[in-house]
Amino acid sequence: MNQARDHISLDEQARAVLRGNDRGGYSVPTDGLYRTSGTGTAALPPGALPV
């Protein structure tokens, strides 16, 4: 019976990680991997996008 409890605990941990990486319309592979600016877009250096 111990294995069943360990499995449930692992399942709950995995779900918590997935919830933590959820960003609404998308998810990230790991929290903190992609930095964003205040607007939610990737931080780009000045002049990176054509005007």
PDB file of N, CA and C in Angstrom:
ATOM      1  N   MET A   1       0.816  -1.209   0.000  1.00  0.00           N
ATOM      2  CA  MET A   1       0.000   0.000   0.000  1.00  0.00           C
ATOM      3  C   MET A   1       0.854   1.264   0.000  1.00  0.00           C
ATOM      4  N   ASN A   2       2.064   1.170   0.502  1.00  0.00           N
ATOM      5  CA  ASN A   2       2.942   2.326   0.552  1.00  0.00           C
ATOM      6  C   ASN A   2       3.225   2.870  -0.841  1.00  0.00           C
ATOM      7  N   GLN A   3       3.373   1.955  -1.827  1.00  0.00           N
ATOM      8  CA  GLN A   3       3.639   2.389  -3.198  1.00  0.00           C
ATOM      9  C   GLN A   3       2.498   3.239  -3.732  1.00  0.00           C
ATOM     10  N   ALA A   4       1.280   2.879  -3.428  1.00  0.00           N
ATOM     11  CA  ALA A   4       0.130   3.642  -3.914  1.00  0.00           C
ATOM     12  C   ALA A   4       0.154   5.058  -3.352  1.00  0.00           C
ATOM     13  N   ARG A   5       0.496   5.202  -2.080  1.00  0.00           N
ATOM     14  CA  ARG A   5       0.571   6.541  -1.475  1.00  0.00           C
ATOM     15  C   ARG A   5       1.702   7.346  -2.084  1.00  0.00           C
ATOM     16  N   ASP A   6       2.855   6.709  -2.325  1.00  0.00           N
ATOM     17  CA  ASP A   6       3.983   7.394  -2.948  1.00  0.00           C
ATOM     18  C   ASP A   6       3.620   7.843  -4.352  1.00  0.00           C
ATOM     19  N   HIS A   7       2.909   7.002  -5.077  1.00  0.00           N
ATOM     20  CA  HIS A   7       2.495   7.336  -6.450  1.00  0.00           C
ATOM     21  C   HIS A   7       1.549   8.534  -6.443  1.00  0.00           C
ATOM     22  N   ILE A   8       0.606   8.552  -5.540  1.00  0.00           N
ATOM     23  CA  ILE A   8      -0.322   9.673  -5.447  1.00  0.00           C
ATOM     24  C   ILE A   8       0.436  10.950  -5.106  1.00  0.00           C
ATOM     25  N   SER A   9       1.373  10.848  -4.193  1.00  0.00           N
ATOM     26  CA  SER A   9       2.148  12.009  -3.807  1.00  0.00           C
ATOM     27  C   SER A   9       2.948  12.537  -4.998  1.00  0.00           C
ATOM     28  N   LEU A  10       3.563  11.658  -5.765  1.00  0.00           N
ATOM     29  CA  LEU A  10       4.324  12.065  -6.942  1.00  0.00           C
ATOM     30  C   LEU A  10       3.400  12.708  -7.971  1.00  0.00           C
ATOM     31  N   ASP A  11       2.219  12.134  -8.158  1.00  0.00           N
ATOM     32  CA  ASP A  11       1.229  12.692  -9.081  1.00  0.00           C
ATOM     33  C   ASP A  11       0.823  14.100  -8.647  1.00  0.00           C
ATOM     34  N   GLU A  12       0.581  14.284  -7.364  1.00  0.00           N
ATOM     35  CA  GLU A  12       0.201  15.605  -6.855  1.00  0.00           C
ATOM     36  C   GLU A  12       1.341  16.608  -7.036  1.00  0.00           C
ATOM     37  N   GLN A  13       2.577  16.167  -6.821  1.00  0.00           N
ATOM     38  CA  GLN A  13       3.725  17.056  -7.017  1.00  0.00           C
ATOM     39  C   GLN A  13       3.843  17.478  -8.476  1.00  0.00           C
ATOM     40  N   ALA A  14       3.665  16.544  -9.390  1.00  0.00           N
ATOM     41  CA  ALA A  14       3.757  16.848 -10.818  1.00  0.00           C
ATOM     42  C   ALA A  14       2.669  17.835 -11.234  1.00  0.00           C
ATOM     43  N   ARG A  15       1.465  17.632 -10.742  1.00  0.00           N
ATOM     44  CA  ARG A  15       0.374  18.553 -11.074  1.00  0.00           C
ATOM     45  C   ARG A  15       0.644  19.957 -10.527  1.00  0.00           C
ATOM     46  N   ALA A  16       1.252  20.039  -9.349  1.00  0.00           N
ATOM     47  CA  ALA A  16       1.576  21.340  -8.766  1.00  0.00           C
ATOM     48  C   ALA A  16       2.613  22.071  -9.628  1.00  0.00           C
ATOM     49  N   VAL A  17       3.591  21.332 -10.146  1.00  0.00           N
ATOM     50  CA  VAL A  17       4.591  21.937 -11.028  1.00  0.00           C
ATOM     51  C   VAL A  17       3.925  22.457 -12.297  1.00  0.00           C
ATOM     52  N   LEU A  18       3.054  21.658 -12.883  1.00  0.00           N
ATOM     53  CA  LEU A  18       2.360  22.083 -14.106  1.00  0.00           C
ATOM     54  C   LEU A  18       1.495  23.315 -13.860  1.00  0.00           C
ATOM     55  N   ARG A  19       0.803  23.344 -12.724  1.00  0.00           N
ATOM     56  CA  ARG A  19      -0.009  24.523 -12.397  1.00  0.00           C
ATOM     57  C   ARG A  19       0.882  25.751 -12.232  1.00  0.00           C
ATOM     58  N   GLY A  20       2.041  25.578 -11.616  1.00  0.00           N
ATOM     59  CA  GLY A  20       2.958  26.687 -11.408  1.00  0.00           C
ATOM     60  C   GLY A  20       3.538  27.230 -12.702  1.00  0.00           C
ATOM     61  N   ASN A  21       3.631  26.388 -13.732  1.00  0.00           N
ATOM     62  CA  ASN A  21       4.178  26.806 -15.020  1.00  0.00           C
ATOM     63  C   ASN A  21       3.114  27.277 -15.988  1.00  0.00           C
ATOM     64  N   ASP A  22       1.869  27.233 -15.581  1.00  0.00           N
ATOM     65  CA  ASP A  22       0.759  27.673 -16.421  1.00  0.00           C
ATOM     66  C   ASP A  22       0.726  29.189 -16.478  1.00  0.00           C
ATOM     67  N   ARG A  23       0.660  29.728 -17.674  1.00  0.00           N
ATOM     68  CA  ARG A  23       0.616  31.180 -17.857  1.00  0.00           C
ATOM     69  C   ARG A  23      -0.693  31.627 -18.505  1.00  0.00           C
ATOM     70  N   GLY A  24      -1.742  30.877 -18.301  1.00  0.00           N
ATOM     71  CA  GLY A  24      -3.037  31.233 -18.876  1.00  0.00           C
ATOM     72  C   GLY A  24      -3.225  30.525 -20.207  1.00  0.00           C
ATOM     73  N   GLY A  25      -2.866  31.186 -21.297  1.00  0.00           N
ATOM     74  CA  GLY A  25      -3.035  30.604 -22.624  1.00  0.00           C
ATOM     75  C   GLY A  25      -1.890  29.702 -23.042  1.00  0.00           C
ATOM     76  N   TYR A  26      -0.862  29.610 -22.234  1.00  0.00           N
ATOM     77  CA  TYR A  26       0.287  28.761 -22.545  1.00  0.00           C
ATOM     78  C   TYR A  26       0.996  28.370 -21.256  1.00  0.00           C
ATOM     79  N   SER A  27       1.938  27.454 -21.363  1.00  0.00           N
ATOM     80  CA  SER A  27       2.739  27.081 -20.201  1.00  0.00           C
ATOM     81  C   SER A  27       4.212  27.141 -20.582  1.00  0.00           C
ATOM     82  N   VAL A  28       5.067  27.223 -19.592  1.00  0.00           N
ATOM     83  CA  VAL A  28       6.512  27.243 -19.817  1.00  0.00           C
ATOM     84  C   VAL A  28       7.093  25.935 -19.307  1.00  0.00           C
ATOM     85  N   PRO A  29       8.222  25.481 -19.870  1.00  0.00           N
ATOM     86  CA  PRO A  29       8.797  24.223 -19.420  1.00  0.00           C
ATOM     87  C   PRO A  29       9.243  24.245 -17.959  1.00  0.00           C
ATOM     88  N   THR A  30       9.665  25.405 -17.485  1.00  0.00           N
ATOM     89  CA  THR A  30      10.075  25.544 -16.093  1.00  0.00           C
ATOM     90  C   THR A  30       9.946  27.005 -15.696  1.00  0.00           C
ATOM     91  N   ASP A  31       9.572  27.248 -14.469  1.00  0.00           N
ATOM     92  CA  ASP A  31       9.403  28.616 -13.992  1.00  0.00           C
ATOM     93  C   ASP A  31      10.743  29.351 -14.020  1.00  0.00           C
ATOM     94  N   GLY A  32      10.755  30.566 -14.558  1.00  0.00           N
ATOM     95  CA  GLY A  32      11.953  31.386 -14.576  1.00  0.00           C
ATOM     96  C   GLY A  32      12.855  31.161 -15.778  1.00  0.00           C
ATOM     97  N   LEU A  33      12.488  30.256 -16.690  1.00  0.00           N
ATOM     98  CA  LEU A  33      13.337  29.977 -17.842  1.00  0.00           C
ATOM     99  C   LEU A  33      13.325  31.134 -18.831  1.00  0.00           C
ATOM    100  N   TYR A  34      12.156  31.703 -19.093  1.00  0.00           N
ATOM    101  CA  TYR A  34      12.036  32.785 -20.056  1.00  0.00           C
ATOM    102  C   TYR A  34      11.735  34.082 -19.334  1.00  0.00           C
ATOM    103  N   ARG A  35      12.638  35.041 -19.449  1.00  0.00           N
ATOM    104  CA  ARG A  35      12.386  36.350 -18.848  1.00  0.00           C
ATOM    105  C   ARG A  35      11.414  37.109 -19.736  1.00  0.00           C
ATOM    106  N   THR A  36      10.578  37.913 -19.123  1.00  0.00           N
ATOM    107  CA  THR A  36       9.640  38.737 -19.884  1.00  0.00           C
ATOM    108  C   THR A  36       9.710  40.164 -19.387  1.00  0.00           C
ATOM    109  N   SER A  37       9.283  41.067 -20.260  1.00  0.00           N
ATOM    110  CA  SER A  37       9.173  42.460 -19.841  1.00  0.00           C
ATOM    111  C   SER A  37       7.844  42.627 -19.113  1.00  0.00           C
ATOM    112  N   GLY A  38       7.541  43.818 -18.674  1.00  0.00           N
ATOM    113  CA  GLY A  38       6.299  44.059 -17.958  1.00  0.00           C
ATOM    114  C   GLY A  38       5.053  43.809 -18.784  1.00  0.00           C
ATOM    115  N   THR A  39       5.182  43.789 -20.121  1.00  0.00           N
ATOM    116  CA  THR A  39       4.015  43.593 -20.972  1.00  0.00           C
ATOM    117  C   THR A  39       3.762  42.125 -21.284  1.00  0.00           C
ATOM    118  N   GLY A  40       4.662  41.251 -20.839  1.00  0.00           N
ATOM    119  CA  GLY A  40       4.471  39.832 -21.100  1.00  0.00           C
ATOM    120  C   GLY A  40       5.142  39.378 -22.378  1.00  0.00           C
ATOM    121  N   THR A  41       5.785  40.275 -23.109  1.00  0.00           N
ATOM    122  CA  THR A  41       6.500  39.873 -24.307  1.00  0.00           C
ATOM    123  C   THR A  41       7.958  39.630 -23.952  1.00  0.00           C
ATOM    124  N   ALA A  42       8.644  38.883 -24.771  1.00  0.00           N
ATOM    125  CA  ALA A  42      10.057  38.608 -24.502  1.00  0.00           C
ATOM    126  C   ALA A  42      10.837  39.915 -24.486  1.00  0.00           C
ATOM    127  N   ALA A  43      11.758  40.025 -23.568  1.00  0.00           N
ATOM    128  CA  ALA A  43      12.589  41.225 -23.467  1.00  0.00           C
ATOM    129  C   ALA A  43      13.567  41.249 -24.636  1.00  0.00           C
ATOM    130  N   LEU A  44      13.501  42.278 -25.455  1.00  0.00           N
ATOM    131  CA  LEU A  44      14.355  42.400 -26.617  1.00  0.00           C
ATOM    132  C   LEU A  44      15.195  43.656 -26.524  1.00  0.00           C
ATOM    133  N   PRO A  45      16.401  43.639 -27.066  1.00  0.00           N
ATOM    134  CA  PRO A  45      17.215  44.853 -27.044  1.00  0.00           C
ATOM    135  C   PRO A  45      16.633  45.906 -27.989  1.00  0.00           C
ATOM    136  N   PRO A  46      16.915  47.193 -27.752  1.00  0.00           N
ATOM    137  CA  PRO A  46      16.416  48.238 -28.651  1.00  0.00           C
ATOM    138  C   PRO A  46      16.844  47.966 -30.091  1.00  0.00           C
ATOM    139  N   GLY A  47      15.941  48.193 -31.023  1.00  0.00           N
ATOM    140  CA  GLY A  47      16.228  48.008 -32.443  1.00  0.00           C
ATOM    141  C   GLY A  47      16.111  46.581 -32.915  1.00  0.00           C
ATOM    142  N   ALA A  48      15.683  45.674 -32.077  1.00  0.00           N
ATOM    143  CA  ALA A  48      15.597  44.277 -32.474  1.00  0.00           C
ATOM    144  C   ALA A  48      14.456  44.032 -33.447  1.00  0.00           C
ATOM    145  N   LEU A  49      13.428  44.842 -33.370  1.00  0.00           N
ATOM    146  CA  LEU A  49      12.279  44.686 -34.277  1.00  0.00           C
ATOM    147  C   LEU A  49      12.257  45.820 -35.290  1.00  0.00           C
ATOM    148  N   PRO A  50      11.962  45.502 -36.553  1.00  0.00           N
ATOM    149  CA  PRO A  50      11.867  46.584 -37.548  1.00  0.00           C
ATOM    150  C   PRO A  50      10.669  47.469 -37.257  1.00  0.00           C
ATOM    151  N   VAL A  51      10.781  48.732 -37.597  1.00  0.00           N
ATOM    152  CA  VAL A  51       9.709  49.690 -37.317  1.00  0.00           C
ATOM    153  C   VAL A  51       8.810  49.823 -38.529  1.00  0.00           C
TER     154      VAL A  51
END
